[in-house]
Amino acid sequence: MKIGLFTDPHYSDKIIPSDNRYHSRSYDKISEAMSYFKDENVDLVVCLGDLTDDCIDINNNKEALEKISDLINSFGIKFYSLMGNHDYLSFTKEEFNEYTNGAYPPFSIETEKSMLIFLDCNYEVGGKPYQKRNVDWINTFLPKEQLDNLKKKSKTTKDVYVFLHQNIDPTIEQNHVVKNAKEIRDILNNTNTKMVIQGHFHAGKDTLIGKIRYYTLAAMCVGENNPYEILEIL
C-alpha cells in the first residue's frame, strides 16, 4: 500500500514573510505533489491538517477551500484531509468535509496486514470540541471516546499506523503536543504500532521512542521547499 503524504499547506492568498510562510504558493506545491503521487500510483493521499488558512478577506475562505479541493480531486486519487486548528478558523467539521469531499476522522482503514487509525485531537482539555473561529491551538486533547476506540482498534496482530494533525512526540516543543499525549503513547506502547505520522510542527521531526517511530512531516507552506512523501506499507 502506498500513501501520499503532505501537511500544513495553509492554502490562502496570504504571505507572511516574517514567519517565512507563503500560503499562496501552496496551490502549485500541491499540484506538484499530486502529479508525483499519480505517477507513483499511490492508493490514497492524506493531508495531515491545516489544508487552509484565513484569506486576507475571510469572505473568500470558502472559495479558497473549494479551489484547492477541486485541484486535489481532479487527480482521481482517494483523498483524506485531517482537520487542523487553522481549518477551524473558517469551517465546521461538516462544512470542511462537504467541501473536500472526504471523510473526517476519527476512522480507520483495515487492510490484510495493516490497521490505519486516523485521530481527531481538535478538542479542548475535558473533551469540548473546537468551534468555528474559536480555537486555542495550544489546548488540544484526545477525548475519552477516541481513547477507548484506539485501545480497541490497536489490539490487533496487524501492523498499526496512526495519523493525526497535532503531536504526541514528547521531544517536540510542548505547545504543539496534545495534552494527554502520554496516555495515547501508553496505549500504543502495548500494541503492534509501527509508526505515528503527524503534522502541525512546521519544522518537522523524526523520533524513535521504543519500537515506535514518531514522524512529523515538515510544513508545505514554509519557504521554497516542497516537502511531500510516500509512505509505503509493505
Protein backbone atom coordinates (compact mmCIF):
# COMPACT_ATOMS: atom_id res chain seq x y z
CA MET A 1 0.00 0.00 0.00
CA LYS A 2 1.34 3.42 -0.96
CA ILE A 3 0.11 6.58 0.76
CA GLY A 4 0.96 10.07 -0.46
CA LEU A 5 1.55 12.49 2.41
CA PHE A 6 1.78 16.24 2.85
CA THR A 7 0.87 18.65 5.62
CA ASP A 8 0.20 22.25 6.56
CA PRO A 9 -0.12 23.93 3.17
CA HIS A 10 -2.30 26.63 4.82
CA TYR A 11 -3.63 27.46 1.36
CA SER A 12 -4.93 31.04 1.08
CA ASP A 13 -3.86 34.28 -0.56
CA LYS A 14 -1.66 35.24 2.41
CA ILE A 15 2.08 35.79 2.53
CA ILE A 16 3.76 36.13 5.94
CA PRO A 17 7.47 36.84 5.23
CA SER A 18 8.25 37.43 8.91
CA ASP A 19 7.42 33.77 9.56
CA ASN A 20 8.73 32.52 6.20
CA ARG A 21 5.21 31.40 5.28
CA TYR A 22 3.95 31.70 1.73
CA HIS A 23 0.46 30.28 1.81
CA SER A 24 -0.39 31.37 -1.71
CA ARG A 25 2.36 29.15 -3.17
CA SER A 26 0.75 26.01 -1.84
CA TYR A 27 -1.58 25.65 -4.82
CA ASP A 28 1.37 24.97 -7.13
CA LYS A 29 3.12 22.87 -4.47
CA ILE A 30 0.06 20.64 -4.01
CA SER A 31 -0.28 20.32 -7.77
CA GLU A 32 3.33 19.14 -7.98
CA ALA A 33 2.82 16.68 -5.13
CA MET A 34 -0.39 15.24 -6.58
CA SER A 35 1.23 14.80 -10.00
CA TYR A 36 4.04 12.84 -8.38
CA PHE A 37 1.61 10.72 -6.37
CA LYS A 38 -0.35 9.91 -9.52
CA ASP A 39 2.82 8.93 -11.40
CA GLU A 40 3.76 6.67 -8.48
CA ASN A 41 0.29 5.06 -8.40
CA VAL A 42 -0.40 5.72 -4.74
CA ASP A 43 -3.52 4.15 -3.26
CA LEU A 44 -4.57 7.24 -1.33
CA VAL A 45 -3.38 10.70 -0.35
CA VAL A 46 -3.52 12.16 3.16
CA CYS A 47 -3.12 15.79 4.16
CA LEU A 48 -2.21 15.81 7.85
CA GLY A 49 -4.09 19.03 8.54
CA ASP A 50 -4.19 22.80 8.04
CA LEU A 51 -5.14 22.44 4.40
CA THR A 52 -6.40 26.03 4.51
CA ASP A 53 -5.99 29.28 6.38
CA ASP A 54 -7.75 32.64 6.55
CA CYS A 55 -7.63 34.67 3.36
CA ILE A 56 -6.89 38.39 3.51
CA ASP A 57 -10.65 38.82 3.16
CA ILE A 58 -12.18 35.99 5.19
CA ASN A 59 -15.23 36.07 2.94
CA ASN A 60 -13.03 34.34 0.35
CA ASN A 61 -12.20 31.37 2.60
CA LYS A 62 -14.90 29.08 1.17
CA GLU A 63 -13.81 29.83 -2.38
CA ALA A 64 -10.18 29.03 -1.49
CA LEU A 65 -11.11 25.68 0.07
CA GLU A 66 -13.24 24.75 -2.91
CA LYS A 67 -10.44 25.73 -5.30
CA ILE A 68 -7.77 23.63 -3.58
CA SER A 69 -10.20 20.72 -3.12
CA ASP A 70 -11.12 20.79 -6.82
CA LEU A 71 -7.42 20.65 -7.70
CA ILE A 72 -6.78 17.67 -5.44
CA ASN A 73 -9.87 15.76 -6.52
CA SER A 74 -9.09 16.34 -10.20
CA PHE A 75 -6.30 13.75 -9.94
CA GLY A 76 -8.80 11.00 -9.20
CA ILE A 77 -6.99 9.62 -6.13
CA LYS A 78 -8.80 8.86 -2.90
CA PHE A 79 -8.07 11.79 -0.60
CA TYR A 80 -8.43 12.35 3.14
CA SER A 81 -7.62 15.57 4.95
CA LEU A 82 -7.32 15.68 8.71
CA MET A 83 -8.71 18.94 10.01
CA GLY A 84 -6.14 21.19 11.67
CA ASN A 85 -6.56 24.11 14.02
CA HIS A 86 -6.26 26.61 11.15
CA ASP A 87 -9.00 24.86 9.20
CA TYR A 88 -11.27 25.62 12.15
CA LEU A 89 -10.74 29.33 11.62
CA SER A 90 -13.41 29.26 8.94
CA PHE A 91 -15.15 25.90 8.83
CA THR A 92 -17.13 23.49 10.92
CA LYS A 93 -16.36 19.78 10.58
CA GLU A 94 -19.44 19.35 8.42
CA GLU A 95 -18.54 22.23 6.08
CA PHE A 96 -14.94 21.09 5.73
CA ASN A 97 -15.98 17.52 4.94
CA GLU A 98 -18.55 18.71 2.40
CA TYR A 99 -16.13 20.95 0.51
CA THR A 100 -13.23 18.49 0.49
CA ASN A 101 -15.45 15.51 -0.39
CA GLY A 102 -13.53 13.39 2.07
CA ALA A 103 -14.06 11.56 5.33
CA TYR A 104 -13.43 13.24 8.64
CA PRO A 105 -11.60 11.43 11.46
CA PRO A 106 -11.90 9.52 13.65
CA PHE A 107 -11.99 6.49 11.36
CA SER A 108 -9.81 3.55 10.46
CA ILE A 109 -8.82 1.65 7.34
CA GLU A 110 -8.05 -2.04 7.63
CA THR A 111 -6.08 -3.98 5.04
CA GLU A 112 -4.93 -7.58 5.00
CA LYS A 113 -1.86 -6.84 7.11
CA SER A 114 -2.27 -3.29 8.42
CA MET A 115 -4.55 -1.11 10.51
CA LEU A 116 -4.52 2.62 9.73
CA ILE A 117 -6.05 4.72 12.51
CA PHE A 118 -6.92 8.38 11.97
CA LEU A 119 -7.43 10.54 15.09
CA ASP A 120 -9.05 13.91 15.71
CA CYS A 121 -7.41 15.91 18.52
CA ASN A 122 -9.31 19.14 17.86
CA TYR A 123 -10.73 19.23 21.37
CA GLU A 124 -10.01 21.24 24.48
CA VAL A 125 -8.93 19.53 27.70
CA GLY A 126 -12.05 17.93 29.10
CA GLY A 127 -13.41 16.93 25.70
CA LYS A 128 -15.12 20.07 24.38
CA PRO A 129 -14.71 20.13 20.58
CA TYR A 130 -13.19 23.11 18.80
CA GLN A 131 -15.73 25.56 17.44
CA LYS A 132 -15.58 27.54 14.21
CA ARG A 133 -13.44 30.67 14.73
CA ASN A 134 -12.95 29.77 18.39
CA VAL A 135 -9.74 27.78 18.65
CA ASP A 136 -6.95 27.71 21.23
CA TRP A 137 -4.34 25.81 19.22
CA ILE A 138 -2.24 25.08 22.32
CA ASN A 139 -5.19 23.46 24.10
CA THR A 140 -5.55 20.16 22.23
CA PHE A 141 -6.82 16.85 23.53
CA LEU A 142 -7.96 13.37 22.51
CA PRO A 143 -11.33 12.68 24.16
CA LYS A 144 -12.23 9.51 26.05
CA GLU A 145 -14.41 8.07 23.29
CA GLN A 146 -11.48 8.11 20.87
CA LEU A 147 -9.07 6.79 23.51
CA ASP A 148 -11.38 3.84 24.10
CA ASN A 149 -11.70 3.24 20.38
CA LEU A 150 -7.93 3.47 19.96
CA LYS A 151 -7.47 0.76 22.61
CA LYS A 152 -9.95 -1.44 20.77
CA LYS A 153 -8.66 -0.86 17.23
CA SER A 154 -4.98 -1.13 18.09
CA LYS A 155 -5.39 -4.54 19.75
CA THR A 156 -4.59 -6.41 16.58
CA THR A 157 -1.82 -8.62 15.29
CA LYS A 158 -1.64 -6.38 12.22
CA ASP A 159 0.86 -3.55 11.90
CA VAL A 160 -0.68 -0.33 13.22
CA TYR A 161 -0.12 3.15 11.75
CA VAL A 162 -1.60 6.20 13.47
CA PHE A 163 -2.29 9.53 11.74
CA LEU A 164 -3.10 12.84 13.46
CA HIS A 165 -2.55 16.56 12.96
CA GLN A 166 -1.20 17.52 16.37
CA ASN A 167 1.78 15.87 18.01
CA ILE A 168 2.23 13.13 20.59
CA ASP A 169 6.03 13.05 20.23
CA PRO A 170 7.26 14.34 23.64
CA THR A 171 10.50 15.67 22.14
CA ILE A 172 8.65 18.34 20.15
CA GLU A 173 8.01 21.84 21.53
CA GLN A 174 5.37 21.27 24.19
CA ASN A 175 2.91 23.88 22.89
CA HIS A 176 2.44 21.61 19.84
CA VAL A 177 1.86 18.46 21.88
CA VAL A 178 -1.56 17.01 22.74
CA LYS A 179 -2.26 17.48 26.46
CA ASN A 180 -2.92 13.78 27.07
CA ALA A 181 -0.21 12.59 24.67
CA LYS A 182 1.36 10.31 27.30
CA GLU A 183 -1.94 8.48 27.73
CA ILE A 184 -2.08 7.92 23.96
CA ARG A 185 1.53 6.73 23.84
CA ASP A 186 0.90 4.35 26.75
CA ILE A 187 -1.89 2.74 24.74
CA LEU A 188 0.27 2.41 21.64
CA ASN A 189 3.25 1.03 23.56
CA ASN A 190 1.25 -2.12 24.26
CA THR A 191 0.32 -2.68 20.61
CA ASN A 192 1.97 -3.55 17.32
CA THR A 193 2.20 0.14 16.36
CA LYS A 194 4.99 0.78 13.88
CA MET A 195 4.63 4.47 13.17
CA VAL A 196 2.81 7.65 14.19
CA ILE A 197 2.53 10.20 11.37
CA GLN A 198 1.91 13.85 12.34
CA GLY A 199 1.88 17.44 11.07
CA HIS A 200 1.41 20.74 12.94
CA PHE A 201 5.05 21.29 13.99
CA HIS A 202 6.32 23.10 10.92
CA ALA A 203 9.99 22.25 11.26
CA GLY A 204 9.29 18.51 11.16
CA LYS A 205 10.83 15.83 13.38
CA ASP A 206 11.77 12.15 13.31
CA THR A 207 11.97 10.38 16.66
CA LEU A 208 12.24 6.73 17.65
CA ILE A 209 10.77 6.00 21.08
CA GLY A 210 10.99 2.34 21.97
CA LYS A 211 9.84 0.47 18.88
CA ILE A 212 7.60 3.25 17.57
CA ARG A 213 8.72 5.84 15.04
CA TYR A 214 7.13 9.27 15.51
CA TYR A 215 7.43 11.04 12.18
CA THR A 216 6.36 14.66 11.75
CA LEU A 217 6.31 15.99 8.20
CA ALA A 218 7.61 19.50 7.61
CA ALA A 219 5.06 22.12 6.62
CA MET A 220 4.43 22.72 2.94
CA CYS A 221 3.75 26.44 3.40
CA VAL A 222 7.22 27.30 4.71
CA GLY A 223 9.87 28.73 2.41
CA GLU A 224 10.73 27.45 -1.06
CA ASN A 225 10.88 23.74 -0.23
CA ASN A 226 8.02 21.41 -1.03
CA PRO A 227 8.04 18.53 1.46
CA TYR A 228 5.79 15.67 0.38
CA GLU A 229 6.45 11.98 0.73
CA ILE A 230 5.16 8.49 0.05
CA LEU A 231 4.67 6.05 2.90
CA GLU A 232 4.91 2.52 1.51
CA ILE A 233 3.50 -0.17 3.76
CA LEU A 234 4.89 -3.49 2.61
